Structures are given as C-alpha cells and as structure tokens.
Amino acid sequence: MNSILGVAALAMVFGGFLIWECASWVGARAELVKQQARKLRLENDQLEAMRGAQTYSRTQARF
C-alpha cells in the first residue's frame, strides 16, 4: 500500500512539473507573439504614414 502511495505521489510531482513547464512555455510563446504584433503594428503605421505623405504630395502637385 505504501509503495502504491509513493508511486502515486511521484507521478503527481512529475505531472505537476510537466504542467509547470508547459505553462511557462505557453507564457513565453505568448510574449513572443505580443512582441511580433507590436513590431508589425509599428511597421504598418510607418508604411501608412509614408503612403499618406505620398498621397498628400500627389494631390498638392495636381493643384
């Protein structure tokens, strides 16, 4: 009986460790995705600003 409890306790510790590692990996992945989204948003804003300046200069050149 004690050996069964010992094996069960070891299995619970190992399972907890696996859950902990998976949770930390998911958290790190989420942070990476946030950073990539920020970078893409910044690049998109810069492109939109350049396009807006080009459109503005073209409309000014027509008049």
N, C-alpha and C. Protein backbone atom coordinates (compact mmCIF):
# COMPACT_ATOMS: atom_id res chain seq x y z
N MET A 1 0.82 -1.20 0.00
CA MET A 1 0.00 0.00 0.00
C MET A 1 0.87 1.26 0.00
N ASN A 2 1.92 1.25 0.84
CA ASN A 2 2.79 2.42 0.89
C ASN A 2 3.52 2.64 -0.42
N SER A 3 3.88 1.54 -1.09
CA SER A 3 4.59 1.70 -2.37
C SER A 3 3.66 2.29 -3.43
N ILE A 4 2.39 1.93 -3.39
CA ILE A 4 1.43 2.49 -4.34
C ILE A 4 1.26 3.99 -4.09
N LEU A 5 1.18 4.37 -2.83
CA LEU A 5 1.07 5.79 -2.49
C LEU A 5 2.33 6.55 -2.90
N GLY A 6 3.48 5.94 -2.72
CA GLY A 6 4.74 6.57 -3.12
C GLY A 6 4.80 6.78 -4.61
N VAL A 7 4.40 5.78 -5.37
CA VAL A 7 4.40 5.90 -6.84
C VAL A 7 3.39 6.95 -7.27
N ALA A 8 2.23 6.99 -6.62
CA ALA A 8 1.21 7.99 -6.96
C ALA A 8 1.72 9.39 -6.65
N ALA A 9 2.39 9.56 -5.53
CA ALA A 9 2.94 10.87 -5.17
C ALA A 9 4.01 11.30 -6.16
N LEU A 10 4.86 10.36 -6.56
CA LEU A 10 5.88 10.67 -7.56
C LEU A 10 5.24 11.05 -8.89
N ALA A 11 4.20 10.33 -9.28
CA ALA A 11 3.50 10.64 -10.53
C ALA A 11 2.86 12.03 -10.46
N MET A 12 2.32 12.38 -9.31
CA MET A 12 1.72 13.72 -9.15
C MET A 12 2.77 14.82 -9.23
N VAL A 13 3.92 14.59 -8.63
CA VAL A 13 5.01 15.57 -8.69
C VAL A 13 5.49 15.72 -10.13
N PHE A 14 5.67 14.61 -10.81
CA PHE A 14 6.11 14.66 -12.21
C PHE A 14 5.07 15.34 -13.08
N GLY A 15 3.79 15.03 -12.87
CA GLY A 15 2.71 15.67 -13.62
C GLY A 15 2.66 17.16 -13.37
N GLY A 16 2.84 17.56 -12.13
CA GLY A 16 2.88 18.98 -11.80
C GLY A 16 4.03 19.70 -12.47
N PHE A 17 5.18 19.02 -12.51
CA PHE A 17 6.33 19.60 -13.18
C PHE A 17 6.06 19.79 -14.67
N LEU A 18 5.44 18.80 -15.29
CA LEU A 18 5.12 18.91 -16.71
C LEU A 18 4.14 20.06 -16.97
N ILE A 19 3.14 20.18 -16.12
CA ILE A 19 2.17 21.27 -16.28
C ILE A 19 2.86 22.62 -16.10
N TRP A 20 3.75 22.71 -15.12
CA TRP A 20 4.51 23.94 -14.88
C TRP A 20 5.34 24.31 -16.11
N GLU A 21 6.04 23.35 -16.68
CA GLU A 21 6.88 23.61 -17.85
C GLU A 21 6.03 24.02 -19.06
N CYS A 22 4.91 23.34 -19.24
CA CYS A 22 4.04 23.70 -20.37
C CYS A 22 3.49 25.11 -20.20
N ALA A 23 3.10 25.46 -18.99
CA ALA A 23 2.57 26.79 -18.73
C ALA A 23 3.63 27.86 -18.98
N SER A 24 4.85 27.61 -18.57
CA SER A 24 5.91 28.59 -18.80
C SER A 24 6.24 28.71 -20.28
N TRP A 25 6.18 27.60 -21.02
CA TRP A 25 6.42 27.65 -22.46
C TRP A 25 5.32 28.45 -23.15
N VAL A 26 4.08 28.22 -22.74
CA VAL A 26 2.95 28.96 -23.34
C VAL A 26 3.08 30.44 -23.03
N GLY A 27 3.48 30.78 -21.82
CA GLY A 27 3.67 32.18 -21.45
C GLY A 27 4.77 32.84 -22.26
N ALA A 28 5.86 32.14 -22.45
CA ALA A 28 6.97 32.68 -23.25
C ALA A 28 6.54 32.86 -24.70
N ARG A 29 5.79 31.91 -25.21
CA ARG A 29 5.31 31.99 -26.60
C ARG A 29 4.34 33.16 -26.76
N ALA A 30 3.49 33.38 -25.77
CA ALA A 30 2.54 34.49 -25.82
C ALA A 30 3.29 35.83 -25.82
N GLU A 31 4.35 35.93 -25.03
CA GLU A 31 5.14 37.16 -25.00
C GLU A 31 5.82 37.39 -26.35
N LEU A 32 6.31 36.34 -26.97
CA LEU A 32 6.93 36.47 -28.29
C LEU A 32 5.92 36.94 -29.32
N VAL A 33 4.72 36.39 -29.27
CA VAL A 33 3.67 36.80 -30.20
C VAL A 33 3.31 38.27 -29.98
N LYS A 34 3.26 38.72 -28.73
CA LYS A 34 2.97 40.12 -28.44
C LYS A 34 4.05 41.03 -29.03
N GLN A 35 5.32 40.64 -28.87
CA GLN A 35 6.41 41.44 -29.41
C GLN A 35 6.34 41.51 -30.93
N GLN A 36 6.04 40.39 -31.58
CA GLN A 36 5.92 40.38 -33.03
C GLN A 36 4.76 41.24 -33.48
N ALA A 37 3.65 41.20 -32.75
CA ALA A 37 2.49 42.03 -33.11
C ALA A 37 2.83 43.51 -32.97
N ARG A 38 3.57 43.87 -31.91
CA ARG A 38 3.98 45.27 -31.74
C ARG A 38 4.86 45.71 -32.90
N LYS A 39 5.80 44.85 -33.29
CA LYS A 39 6.71 45.18 -34.38
C LYS A 39 5.94 45.35 -35.69
N LEU A 40 5.02 44.44 -35.98
CA LEU A 40 4.23 44.55 -37.20
C LEU A 40 3.34 45.79 -37.19
N ARG A 41 2.77 46.11 -36.03
CA ARG A 41 1.93 47.30 -35.92
C ARG A 41 2.75 48.56 -36.19
N LEU A 42 3.98 48.60 -35.65
CA LEU A 42 4.85 49.75 -35.87
C LEU A 42 5.21 49.88 -37.34
N GLU A 43 5.58 48.75 -37.97
CA GLU A 43 5.91 48.78 -39.40
C GLU A 43 4.70 49.21 -40.22
N ASN A 44 3.52 48.72 -39.86
CA ASN A 44 2.31 49.10 -40.59
C ASN A 44 2.02 50.59 -40.44
N ASP A 45 2.20 51.11 -39.23
CA ASP A 45 1.98 52.54 -39.01
C ASP A 45 2.96 53.37 -39.82
N GLN A 46 4.21 52.93 -39.90
CA GLN A 46 5.21 53.65 -40.69
C GLN A 46 4.85 53.63 -42.17
N LEU A 47 4.41 52.48 -42.67
CA LEU A 47 4.01 52.39 -44.08
C LEU A 47 2.80 53.27 -44.37
N GLU A 48 1.84 53.27 -43.47
CA GLU A 48 0.66 54.11 -43.65
C GLU A 48 1.04 55.59 -43.64
N ALA A 49 1.98 55.98 -42.80
CA ALA A 49 2.42 57.37 -42.75
C ALA A 49 3.12 57.75 -44.05
N MET A 50 3.93 56.83 -44.58
CA MET A 50 4.61 57.12 -45.85
C MET A 50 3.61 57.22 -46.99
N ARG A 51 2.62 56.32 -47.01
CA ARG A 51 1.60 56.38 -48.06
C ARG A 51 0.79 57.66 -47.97
N GLY A 52 0.48 58.06 -46.75
CA GLY A 52 -0.27 59.30 -46.56
C GLY A 52 0.51 60.50 -47.05
N ALA A 53 1.80 60.53 -46.80
CA ALA A 53 2.64 61.63 -47.26
C ALA A 53 2.73 61.63 -48.79
N GLN A 54 2.82 60.47 -49.40
CA GLN A 54 2.88 60.38 -50.86
C GLN A 54 1.57 60.85 -51.48
N THR A 55 0.46 60.42 -50.91
CA THR A 55 -0.84 60.83 -51.42
C THR A 55 -1.01 62.32 -51.30
N TYR A 56 -0.60 62.86 -50.17
CA TYR A 56 -0.71 64.31 -49.92
C TYR A 56 0.13 65.07 -50.95
N SER A 57 1.35 64.62 -51.21
CA SER A 57 2.22 65.33 -52.16
C SER A 57 1.66 65.23 -53.57
N ARG A 58 1.05 64.11 -53.93
CA ARG A 58 0.45 63.98 -55.27
C ARG A 58 -0.76 64.89 -55.43
N THR A 59 -1.59 64.98 -54.41
CA THR A 59 -2.76 65.85 -54.52
C THR A 59 -2.33 67.33 -54.56
N GLN A 60 -1.27 67.68 -53.86
CA GLN A 60 -0.79 69.05 -53.88
C GLN A 60 -0.16 69.39 -55.24
N ALA A 61 0.45 68.40 -55.88
CA ALA A 61 1.10 68.65 -57.16
C ALA A 61 0.05 68.87 -58.25
N ARG A 62 -1.13 68.33 -58.10
CA ARG A 62 -2.17 68.47 -59.13
C ARG A 62 -2.77 69.88 -59.12
N PHE A 63 -2.77 70.51 -57.97
CA PHE A 63 -3.44 71.82 -57.89
C PHE A 63 -2.49 72.94 -57.91
